[in-house]
Amino acid sequence: MCLLLNPPLSSFTEKWALNNHMKLHTGEKPFKCTWPTCHYSFLTASAMKDHIRTHTGEKSFLCDLCGFAGGTRHALTKHRRQHTGEKPFKCDECNFASTTQSHLTRHKRVHTGEKPYRCPWCDYRVVAWQSLLCYTTKPHSTRTIDLIIKNHMKEQLRIPAVLIPCVFCLLLTID
């Protein structure tokens, strides 16, 4: 039984499941990715094996309906929902339902008004990072961005600089 949850959770029928659960509380992730230059760590060996497939490109989970190949059982489960129409993630404030938890999380921001993604060059905020990528490539031309950043750098650091923004991840590189 996990006594750290309120109310206590007593649904662990196997000792290993409780041990893995307790690692969530301690932050312990004993399984390190063995891929060179990768620093990810995992709670379980199976999670690490799933992760390693992202490096190798192995996709051994096949859809029997269309031939889709996924790298994890979870990827195949999400894919199969396209065929079945299953939408197990339901909004408790309206009739929205989704095939993934992440889509439900993004949808809930409609109700809360949360807009966690902010344009680095103005005060424009959005619900989804994908929307921010679209926004930053339209009203902020590379020339405008360069001028704004260059002026800011001159004011703050008193040194000339040319910064090049990546339109995919918003990383700025000094040229």
N, C-alpha and C. Protein backbone atom coordinates (compact mmCIF):
# COMPACT_ATOMS: atom_id res chain seq x y z
N MET A 1 0.84 -1.18 0.00
CA MET A 1 0.00 0.00 0.00
C MET A 1 0.89 1.24 0.00
N CYS A 2 0.54 2.19 -0.83
CA CYS A 2 1.26 3.47 -0.86
C CYS A 2 0.60 4.41 0.13
N LEU A 3 1.33 4.79 1.16
CA LEU A 3 0.78 5.67 2.19
C LEU A 3 1.00 7.15 1.86
N LEU A 4 1.75 7.42 0.78
CA LEU A 4 2.04 8.80 0.41
C LEU A 4 0.90 9.45 -0.36
N LEU A 5 0.02 8.63 -0.94
CA LEU A 5 -1.12 9.16 -1.67
C LEU A 5 -2.28 9.38 -0.72
N ASN A 6 -3.10 10.36 -1.02
CA ASN A 6 -4.25 10.62 -0.18
C ASN A 6 -5.50 10.54 -1.06
N PRO A 7 -6.37 9.56 -0.92
CA PRO A 7 -6.31 8.48 0.05
C PRO A 7 -5.26 7.44 -0.34
N PRO A 8 -4.82 6.62 0.64
CA PRO A 8 -3.82 5.60 0.33
C PRO A 8 -4.29 4.66 -0.77
N LEU A 9 -3.34 4.29 -1.64
CA LEU A 9 -3.66 3.42 -2.76
C LEU A 9 -3.28 2.00 -2.39
N SER A 10 -4.24 1.09 -2.43
CA SER A 10 -3.95 -0.27 -2.02
C SER A 10 -4.20 -1.27 -3.13
N SER A 11 -4.10 -0.84 -4.40
CA SER A 11 -4.44 -1.72 -5.50
C SER A 11 -3.24 -2.48 -6.06
N PHE A 12 -2.11 -2.49 -5.36
CA PHE A 12 -0.94 -3.21 -5.85
C PHE A 12 -1.03 -4.66 -5.38
N THR A 13 -1.14 -5.56 -6.34
CA THR A 13 -1.22 -6.98 -5.99
C THR A 13 0.15 -7.64 -6.06
N GLU A 14 1.10 -6.97 -6.68
CA GLU A 14 2.45 -7.50 -6.80
C GLU A 14 3.43 -6.54 -6.14
N LYS A 15 4.42 -7.09 -5.44
CA LYS A 15 5.41 -6.27 -4.74
C LYS A 15 6.21 -5.41 -5.72
N TRP A 16 6.55 -5.96 -6.90
CA TRP A 16 7.33 -5.20 -7.88
C TRP A 16 6.57 -3.96 -8.35
N ALA A 17 5.24 -4.06 -8.46
CA ALA A 17 4.44 -2.92 -8.90
C ALA A 17 4.47 -1.80 -7.85
N LEU A 18 4.39 -2.18 -6.58
CA LEU A 18 4.50 -1.18 -5.51
C LEU A 18 5.88 -0.56 -5.50
N ASN A 19 6.92 -1.38 -5.68
CA ASN A 19 8.30 -0.86 -5.71
C ASN A 19 8.47 0.14 -6.85
N ASN A 20 7.97 -0.19 -8.03
CA ASN A 20 8.05 0.76 -9.16
C ASN A 20 7.27 2.03 -8.86
N HIS A 21 6.11 1.89 -8.25
CA HIS A 21 5.31 3.06 -7.90
C HIS A 21 6.06 3.96 -6.92
N MET A 22 6.70 3.37 -5.93
CA MET A 22 7.42 4.17 -4.92
C MET A 22 8.57 4.95 -5.56
N LYS A 23 9.14 4.43 -6.65
CA LYS A 23 10.21 5.15 -7.35
C LYS A 23 9.69 6.46 -7.93
N LEU A 24 8.38 6.52 -8.23
CA LEU A 24 7.80 7.77 -8.70
C LEU A 24 7.92 8.86 -7.64
N HIS A 25 7.77 8.47 -6.37
CA HIS A 25 7.85 9.44 -5.28
C HIS A 25 9.29 9.86 -5.00
N THR A 26 10.23 8.94 -5.16
CA THR A 26 11.63 9.26 -4.85
C THR A 26 12.35 9.89 -6.03
N GLY A 27 11.78 9.74 -7.24
CA GLY A 27 12.44 10.27 -8.43
C GLY A 27 13.52 9.33 -8.96
N GLU A 28 13.63 8.15 -8.38
CA GLU A 28 14.66 7.20 -8.80
C GLU A 28 14.35 6.69 -10.21
N LYS A 29 15.37 6.76 -11.07
CA LYS A 29 15.26 6.22 -12.43
C LYS A 29 16.54 5.42 -12.69
N PRO A 30 16.56 4.16 -12.27
CA PRO A 30 17.80 3.39 -12.30
C PRO A 30 18.25 2.89 -13.67
N PHE A 31 17.39 2.96 -14.68
CA PHE A 31 17.74 2.41 -15.99
C PHE A 31 18.17 3.54 -16.93
N LYS A 32 19.45 3.59 -17.22
CA LYS A 32 20.03 4.65 -18.04
C LYS A 32 20.11 4.19 -19.50
N CYS A 33 19.79 5.10 -20.42
CA CYS A 33 19.92 4.80 -21.84
C CYS A 33 21.39 4.58 -22.15
N THR A 34 21.68 3.53 -22.89
CA THR A 34 23.07 3.18 -23.21
C THR A 34 23.53 3.78 -24.54
N TRP A 35 22.65 4.50 -25.21
CA TRP A 35 23.00 5.11 -26.50
C TRP A 35 24.00 6.24 -26.27
N PRO A 36 25.06 6.31 -27.08
CA PRO A 36 26.05 7.38 -26.89
C PRO A 36 25.39 8.77 -26.97
N THR A 37 25.77 9.63 -26.10
CA THR A 37 25.33 11.03 -25.99
C THR A 37 23.88 11.19 -25.50
N CYS A 38 23.19 10.11 -25.17
CA CYS A 38 21.82 10.22 -24.65
C CYS A 38 21.88 10.14 -23.13
N HIS A 39 21.17 11.03 -22.47
CA HIS A 39 21.23 11.10 -21.01
C HIS A 39 19.90 10.75 -20.35
N TYR A 40 18.98 10.14 -21.08
CA TYR A 40 17.69 9.79 -20.51
C TYR A 40 17.83 8.62 -19.53
N SER A 41 16.99 8.65 -18.51
CA SER A 41 16.91 7.57 -17.52
C SER A 41 15.45 7.18 -17.35
N PHE A 42 15.24 5.94 -16.91
CA PHE A 42 13.88 5.42 -16.84
C PHE A 42 13.61 4.66 -15.56
N LEU A 43 12.35 4.60 -15.23
CA LEU A 43 11.88 3.90 -14.05
C LEU A 43 11.97 2.39 -14.22
N THR A 44 11.71 1.91 -15.44
CA THR A 44 11.70 0.47 -15.69
C THR A 44 12.58 0.12 -16.90
N ALA A 45 13.00 -1.13 -16.92
CA ALA A 45 13.81 -1.62 -18.04
C ALA A 45 12.99 -1.62 -19.33
N SER A 46 11.70 -1.93 -19.23
CA SER A 46 10.87 -1.96 -20.45
C SER A 46 10.71 -0.56 -21.03
N ALA A 47 10.61 0.47 -20.20
CA ALA A 47 10.52 1.84 -20.70
C ALA A 47 11.82 2.23 -21.40
N MET A 48 12.94 1.76 -20.86
CA MET A 48 14.23 2.05 -21.50
C MET A 48 14.31 1.35 -22.86
N LYS A 49 13.85 0.11 -22.94
CA LYS A 49 13.88 -0.62 -24.21
C LYS A 49 13.02 0.08 -25.26
N ASP A 50 11.85 0.57 -24.84
CA ASP A 50 10.99 1.33 -25.75
C ASP A 50 11.74 2.56 -26.26
N HIS A 51 12.41 3.25 -25.35
CA HIS A 51 13.15 4.46 -25.70
C HIS A 51 14.28 4.15 -26.69
N ILE A 52 15.01 3.08 -26.48
CA ILE A 52 16.14 2.73 -27.35
C ILE A 52 15.66 2.54 -28.79
N ARG A 53 14.42 2.09 -28.96
CA ARG A 53 13.88 1.94 -30.32
C ARG A 53 13.79 3.28 -31.04
N THR A 54 13.70 4.40 -30.29
CA THR A 54 13.69 5.70 -30.96
C THR A 54 15.05 6.00 -31.59
N HIS A 55 16.11 5.41 -31.03
CA HIS A 55 17.45 5.58 -31.60
C HIS A 55 17.68 4.64 -32.78
N THR A 56 17.22 3.40 -32.64
CA THR A 56 17.49 2.39 -33.67
C THR A 56 16.51 2.44 -34.84
N GLY A 57 15.35 3.04 -34.61
CA GLY A 57 14.33 3.09 -35.66
C GLY A 57 13.52 1.80 -35.76
N GLU A 58 13.75 0.86 -34.84
CA GLU A 58 13.02 -0.41 -34.87
C GLU A 58 11.53 -0.17 -34.61
N LYS A 59 10.69 -0.74 -35.46
CA LYS A 59 9.24 -0.61 -35.34
C LYS A 59 8.62 -1.98 -35.50
N SER A 60 8.55 -2.69 -34.39
CA SER A 60 8.12 -4.09 -34.46
C SER A 60 6.66 -4.31 -34.04
N PHE A 61 5.92 -3.25 -33.75
CA PHE A 61 4.52 -3.40 -33.39
C PHE A 61 3.66 -3.06 -34.60
N LEU A 62 3.08 -4.10 -35.22
CA LEU A 62 2.40 -3.95 -36.50
C LEU A 62 0.88 -3.98 -36.35
N CYS A 63 0.21 -3.08 -37.09
CA CYS A 63 -1.25 -3.05 -37.14
C CYS A 63 -1.71 -4.14 -38.11
N ASP A 64 -2.62 -4.99 -37.66
CA ASP A 64 -3.10 -6.08 -38.52
C ASP A 64 -4.14 -5.59 -39.53
N LEU A 65 -4.58 -4.34 -39.41
CA LEU A 65 -5.58 -3.82 -40.33
C LEU A 65 -4.98 -3.06 -41.52
N CYS A 66 -3.85 -2.39 -41.29
CA CYS A 66 -3.32 -1.56 -42.38
C CYS A 66 -1.80 -1.66 -42.56
N GLY A 67 -1.12 -2.36 -41.69
CA GLY A 67 0.32 -2.51 -41.84
C GLY A 67 1.15 -1.43 -41.16
N PHE A 68 0.52 -0.49 -40.47
CA PHE A 68 1.26 0.53 -39.72
C PHE A 68 2.25 -0.15 -38.80
N ALA A 69 3.44 0.42 -38.68
CA ALA A 69 4.46 -0.11 -37.78
C ALA A 69 4.79 0.94 -36.74
N GLY A 70 4.70 0.55 -35.47
CA GLY A 70 5.02 1.45 -34.36
C GLY A 70 6.20 0.94 -33.57
N GLY A 71 6.89 1.86 -32.93
CA GLY A 71 8.06 1.50 -32.13
C GLY A 71 7.72 0.97 -30.76
N THR A 72 6.49 1.25 -30.29
CA THR A 72 6.07 0.77 -28.97
C THR A 72 4.64 0.23 -29.05
N ARG A 73 4.28 -0.56 -28.05
CA ARG A 73 2.91 -1.07 -27.97
C ARG A 73 1.95 0.12 -27.81
N HIS A 74 2.39 1.14 -27.06
CA HIS A 74 1.57 2.34 -26.86
C HIS A 74 1.30 3.05 -28.19
N ALA A 75 2.31 3.15 -29.04
CA ALA A 75 2.12 3.79 -30.35
C ALA A 75 1.10 3.01 -31.18
N LEU A 76 1.15 1.70 -31.11
CA LEU A 76 0.18 0.88 -31.85
C LEU A 76 -1.22 1.05 -31.27
N THR A 77 -1.33 1.11 -29.95
CA THR A 77 -2.64 1.31 -29.31
C THR A 77 -3.25 2.64 -29.76
N LYS A 78 -2.45 3.70 -29.76
CA LYS A 78 -2.94 5.01 -30.21
C LYS A 78 -3.36 4.94 -31.68
N HIS A 79 -2.56 4.26 -32.51
CA HIS A 79 -2.88 4.13 -33.93
C HIS A 79 -4.20 3.38 -34.13
N ARG A 80 -4.39 2.31 -33.41
CA ARG A 80 -5.60 1.48 -33.58
C ARG A 80 -6.88 2.27 -33.33
N ARG A 81 -6.77 3.31 -32.49
CA ARG A 81 -7.95 4.14 -32.22
C ARG A 81 -8.44 4.85 -33.47
N GLN A 82 -7.58 5.03 -34.47
CA GLN A 82 -8.01 5.61 -35.74
C GLN A 82 -8.99 4.68 -36.44
N HIS A 83 -8.77 3.37 -36.30
CA HIS A 83 -9.65 2.38 -36.92
C HIS A 83 -10.94 2.19 -36.13
N THR A 84 -10.81 2.18 -34.79
CA THR A 84 -11.97 1.86 -33.94
C THR A 84 -12.82 3.08 -33.63
N GLY A 85 -12.23 4.28 -33.72
CA GLY A 85 -12.95 5.48 -33.34
C GLY A 85 -13.01 5.69 -31.84
N GLU A 86 -12.34 4.84 -31.08
CA GLU A 86 -12.34 4.95 -29.62
C GLU A 86 -11.71 6.28 -29.19
N LYS A 87 -12.38 6.95 -28.26
CA LYS A 87 -11.86 8.20 -27.68
C LYS A 87 -12.00 8.10 -26.16
N PRO A 88 -11.04 7.47 -25.52
CA PRO A 88 -11.17 7.19 -24.09
C PRO A 88 -10.91 8.38 -23.16
N PHE A 89 -10.38 9.47 -23.68
CA PHE A 89 -10.04 10.61 -22.83
C PHE A 89 -11.13 11.67 -22.96
N LYS A 90 -11.92 11.83 -21.90
CA LYS A 90 -13.11 12.67 -21.93
C LYS A 90 -12.94 13.91 -21.06
N CYS A 91 -13.41 15.04 -21.57
CA CYS A 91 -13.40 16.29 -20.82
C CYS A 91 -14.54 16.25 -19.81
N ASP A 92 -14.25 16.65 -18.57
CA ASP A 92 -15.30 16.64 -17.55
C ASP A 92 -16.13 17.92 -17.53
N GLU A 93 -15.82 18.86 -18.45
CA GLU A 93 -16.57 20.11 -18.49
C GLU A 93 -17.44 20.26 -19.74
N CYS A 94 -17.20 19.42 -20.74
CA CYS A 94 -18.02 19.47 -21.96
C CYS A 94 -18.00 18.08 -22.60
N ASN A 95 -18.52 17.96 -23.81
CA ASN A 95 -18.61 16.63 -24.44
C ASN A 95 -17.40 16.29 -25.30
N PHE A 96 -16.30 17.04 -25.18
CA PHE A 96 -15.08 16.74 -25.94
C PHE A 96 -14.51 15.40 -25.51
N ALA A 97 -14.06 14.62 -26.49
CA ALA A 97 -13.37 13.36 -26.22
C ALA A 97 -12.21 13.24 -27.19
N SER A 98 -11.15 12.58 -26.76
CA SER A 98 -9.94 12.51 -27.56
C SER A 98 -9.34 11.11 -27.56
N THR A 99 -8.50 10.88 -28.56
CA THR A 99 -7.79 9.60 -28.63
C THR A 99 -6.53 9.60 -27.77
N THR A 100 -6.05 10.79 -27.37
CA THR A 100 -4.82 10.86 -26.56
C THR A 100 -5.00 11.79 -25.37
N GLN A 101 -4.25 11.50 -24.32
CA GLN A 101 -4.25 12.34 -23.12
C GLN A 101 -3.72 13.74 -23.44
N SER A 102 -2.70 13.82 -24.30
CA SER A 102 -2.12 15.13 -24.61
C SER A 102 -3.13 16.04 -25.32
N HIS A 103 -3.96 15.48 -26.18
CA HIS A 103 -4.99 16.29 -26.85
C HIS A 103 -6.03 16.78 -25.85
N LEU A 104 -6.37 15.93 -24.87
CA LEU A 104 -7.32 16.35 -23.83
C LEU A 104 -6.71 17.46 -22.98
N THR A 105 -5.44 17.33 -22.62
CA THR A 105 -4.77 18.36 -21.82
C THR A 105 -4.78 19.69 -22.56
N ARG A 106 -4.48 19.67 -23.85
CA ARG A 106 -4.50 20.89 -24.65
C ARG A 106 -5.92 21.47 -24.72
N HIS A 107 -6.92 20.60 -24.89
CA HIS A 107 -8.32 21.06 -24.96
C HIS A 107 -8.74 21.73 -23.66
N LYS A 108 -8.35 21.19 -22.53
CA LYS A 108 -8.79 21.74 -21.23
C LYS A 108 -8.36 23.19 -21.06
N ARG A 109 -7.37 23.62 -21.80
CA ARG A 109 -6.93 25.02 -21.73
C ARG A 109 -8.00 25.96 -22.27
N VAL A 110 -8.92 25.44 -23.08
CA VAL A 110 -10.05 26.24 -23.56
C VAL A 110 -10.88 26.68 -22.35
N HIS A 111 -11.03 25.80 -21.38
CA HIS A 111 -11.84 26.09 -20.20
C HIS A 111 -11.07 26.92 -19.17
N THR A 112 -9.77 26.69 -19.04
CA THR A 112 -9.00 27.39 -18.01
C THR A 112 -8.46 28.74 -18.50
N GLY A 113 -8.37 28.90 -19.83
CA GLY A 113 -7.80 30.12 -20.38
C GLY A 113 -6.28 30.12 -20.38
N GLU A 114 -5.67 29.02 -19.96
CA GLU A 114 -4.21 28.93 -19.92
C GLU A 114 -3.62 28.99 -21.33
N LYS A 115 -2.62 29.81 -21.51
CA LYS A 115 -1.88 29.90 -22.77
C LYS A 115 -0.39 29.87 -22.41
N PRO A 116 0.17 28.68 -22.26
CA PRO A 116 1.52 28.56 -21.72
C PRO A 116 2.66 28.90 -22.69
N TYR A 117 2.37 29.04 -23.97
CA TYR A 117 3.43 29.28 -24.95
C TYR A 117 3.41 30.73 -25.41
N ARG A 118 4.52 31.44 -25.18
CA ARG A 118 4.61 32.87 -25.48
C ARG A 118 5.63 33.11 -26.58
N CYS A 119 5.28 34.00 -27.49
CA CYS A 119 6.20 34.40 -28.54
C CYS A 119 7.40 35.09 -27.89
N PRO A 120 8.62 34.70 -28.27
CA PRO A 120 9.79 35.32 -27.65
C PRO A 120 10.02 36.77 -28.09
N TRP A 121 9.27 37.25 -29.10
CA TRP A 121 9.49 38.59 -29.61
C TRP A 121 8.35 39.56 -29.33
N CYS A 122 7.23 39.06 -28.80
CA CYS A 122 6.12 39.94 -28.43
C CYS A 122 5.31 39.24 -27.35
N ASP A 123 4.17 39.81 -26.97
CA ASP A 123 3.37 39.25 -25.88
C ASP A 123 2.31 38.26 -26.33
N TYR A 124 2.32 37.88 -27.58
CA TYR A 124 1.33 36.92 -28.11
C TYR A 124 1.50 35.57 -27.41
N ARG A 125 0.39 34.98 -26.94
CA ARG A 125 0.42 33.69 -26.25
C ARG A 125 -0.57 32.73 -26.91
N VAL A 126 -0.25 31.43 -26.85
CA VAL A 126 -1.10 30.42 -27.47
C VAL A 126 -1.22 29.20 -26.57
N VAL A 127 -2.21 28.37 -26.89
CA VAL A 127 -2.50 27.15 -26.15
C VAL A 127 -1.53 26.02 -26.51
N ALA A 128 -1.14 25.94 -27.79
CA ALA A 128 -0.31 24.83 -28.27
C ALA A 128 0.98 25.34 -28.90
N TRP A 129 2.06 24.63 -28.68
CA TRP A 129 3.36 25.07 -29.23
C TRP A 129 3.34 25.07 -30.75
N GLN A 130 2.55 24.19 -31.36
CA GLN A 130 2.48 24.15 -32.82
C GLN A 130 1.92 25.48 -33.36
N SER A 131 0.96 26.04 -32.64
CA SER A 131 0.40 27.33 -33.05
C SER A 131 1.45 28.43 -32.96
N LEU A 132 2.31 28.34 -31.96
CA LEU A 132 3.36 29.34 -31.81
C LEU A 132 4.34 29.26 -32.98
N LEU A 133 4.65 28.06 -33.43
CA LEU A 133 5.55 27.92 -34.58
C LEU A 133 4.94 28.58 -35.81
N CYS A 134 3.65 28.37 -36.03
CA CYS A 134 2.98 29.02 -37.18
C CYS A 134 3.01 30.53 -37.02
N TYR A 135 2.73 31.00 -35.82
CA TYR A 135 2.67 32.45 -35.59
C TYR A 135 4.03 33.11 -35.81
N THR A 136 5.08 32.52 -35.29
CA THR A 136 6.39 33.18 -35.37
C THR A 136 6.95 33.21 -36.78
N THR A 137 6.46 32.37 -37.67
CA THR A 137 6.96 32.40 -39.04
C THR A 137 6.18 33.38 -39.91
N LYS A 138 5.02 33.89 -39.44
CA LYS A 138 4.22 34.79 -40.27
C LYS A 138 4.44 36.26 -39.92
N PRO A 139 3.96 36.75 -38.76
CA PRO A 139 4.10 38.20 -38.53
C PRO A 139 5.52 38.64 -38.22
N HIS A 140 6.36 37.72 -37.79
CA HIS A 140 7.73 38.08 -37.46
C HIS A 140 8.65 37.58 -38.58
N SER A 141 8.85 38.40 -39.57
CA SER A 141 9.75 37.98 -40.63
C SER A 141 11.16 37.91 -40.06
N THR A 142 12.02 37.18 -40.71
CA THR A 142 13.40 37.03 -40.24
C THR A 142 14.07 38.40 -40.09
N ARG A 143 13.78 39.29 -41.01
CA ARG A 143 14.39 40.62 -40.96
C ARG A 143 13.92 41.39 -39.72
N THR A 144 12.60 41.34 -39.44
CA THR A 144 12.06 42.02 -38.27
C THR A 144 12.63 41.42 -36.99
N ILE A 145 12.67 40.10 -36.92
CA ILE A 145 13.21 39.42 -35.74
C ILE A 145 14.66 39.82 -35.55
N ASP A 146 15.42 39.81 -36.62
CA ASP A 146 16.83 40.14 -36.53
C ASP A 146 17.02 41.56 -35.99
N LEU A 147 16.20 42.51 -36.48
CA LEU A 147 16.32 43.89 -36.01
C LEU A 147 15.95 44.02 -34.54
N ILE A 148 14.87 43.37 -34.13
CA ILE A 148 14.44 43.43 -32.73
C ILE A 148 15.52 42.86 -31.82
N ILE A 149 16.04 41.69 -32.17
CA ILE A 149 17.04 41.04 -31.34
C ILE A 149 18.35 41.82 -31.35
N LYS A 150 18.74 42.28 -32.51
CA LYS A 150 20.00 43.02 -32.63
C LYS A 150 19.94 44.28 -31.77
N ASN A 151 18.84 45.01 -31.84
CA ASN A 151 18.69 46.21 -31.02
C ASN A 151 18.69 45.87 -29.54
N HIS A 152 17.99 44.80 -29.18
CA HIS A 152 17.95 44.37 -27.78
C HIS A 152 19.34 44.00 -27.29
N MET A 153 20.08 43.26 -28.10
CA MET A 153 21.43 42.84 -27.72
C MET A 153 22.34 44.05 -27.55
N LYS A 154 22.21 45.04 -28.43
CA LYS A 154 23.04 46.24 -28.32
C LYS A 154 22.74 46.98 -27.02
N GLU A 155 21.43 47.07 -26.70
CA GLU A 155 21.04 47.76 -25.47
C GLU A 155 21.50 47.01 -24.23
N GLN A 156 21.32 45.70 -24.21
CA GLN A 156 21.62 44.92 -23.03
C GLN A 156 23.10 44.64 -22.86
N LEU A 157 23.77 44.27 -23.92
CA LEU A 157 25.15 43.82 -23.83
C LEU A 157 26.15 44.82 -24.38
N ARG A 158 25.66 45.81 -25.09
CA ARG A 158 26.53 46.81 -25.72
C ARG A 158 27.53 46.17 -26.67
N ILE A 159 27.14 45.06 -27.31
CA ILE A 159 27.99 44.45 -28.32
C ILE A 159 27.14 44.17 -29.55
N PRO A 160 27.72 44.30 -30.73
CA PRO A 160 26.95 43.95 -31.92
C PRO A 160 26.78 42.44 -32.02
N ALA A 161 25.60 42.02 -32.42
CA ALA A 161 25.36 40.58 -32.56
C ALA A 161 24.32 40.35 -33.63
N VAL A 162 24.46 39.27 -34.33
CA VAL A 162 23.45 38.84 -35.29
C VAL A 162 22.96 37.49 -34.79
N LEU A 163 21.68 37.40 -34.47
CA LEU A 163 21.11 36.16 -33.98
C LEU A 163 20.22 35.57 -35.05
N ILE A 164 20.32 34.27 -35.23
CA ILE A 164 19.52 33.60 -36.24
C ILE A 164 18.52 32.71 -35.53
N PRO A 165 17.19 32.99 -35.69
CA PRO A 165 16.19 32.17 -35.03
C PRO A 165 15.87 30.92 -35.84
N CYS A 166 15.73 29.80 -35.13
CA CYS A 166 15.28 28.56 -35.76
C CYS A 166 13.75 28.59 -35.78
N VAL A 167 13.15 28.43 -36.94
CA VAL A 167 11.70 28.51 -37.04
C VAL A 167 11.02 27.25 -36.51
N PHE A 168 11.79 26.21 -36.21
CA PHE A 168 11.20 24.98 -35.72
C PHE A 168 11.16 24.91 -34.21
N CYS A 169 12.20 25.41 -33.51
CA CYS A 169 12.24 25.26 -32.07
C CYS A 169 12.45 26.57 -31.33
N LEU A 170 12.55 27.69 -32.01
CA LEU A 170 12.71 29.01 -31.43
C LEU A 170 14.06 29.20 -30.75
N LEU A 171 15.01 28.34 -31.01
CA LEU A 171 16.36 28.50 -30.50
C LEU A 171 17.04 29.63 -31.28
N LEU A 172 17.78 30.45 -30.58
CA LEU A 172 18.50 31.54 -31.22
C LEU A 172 19.98 31.20 -31.26
N THR A 173 20.59 31.40 -32.40
CA THR A 173 22.02 31.12 -32.56
C THR A 173 22.73 32.40 -32.93
N ILE A 174 23.87 32.65 -32.27
CA ILE A 174 24.66 33.84 -32.62
C ILE A 174 25.53 33.50 -33.81
N ASP A 175 25.45 34.38 -34.81
CA ASP A 175 26.25 34.18 -36.03
C ASP A 175 27.54 34.94 -35.89
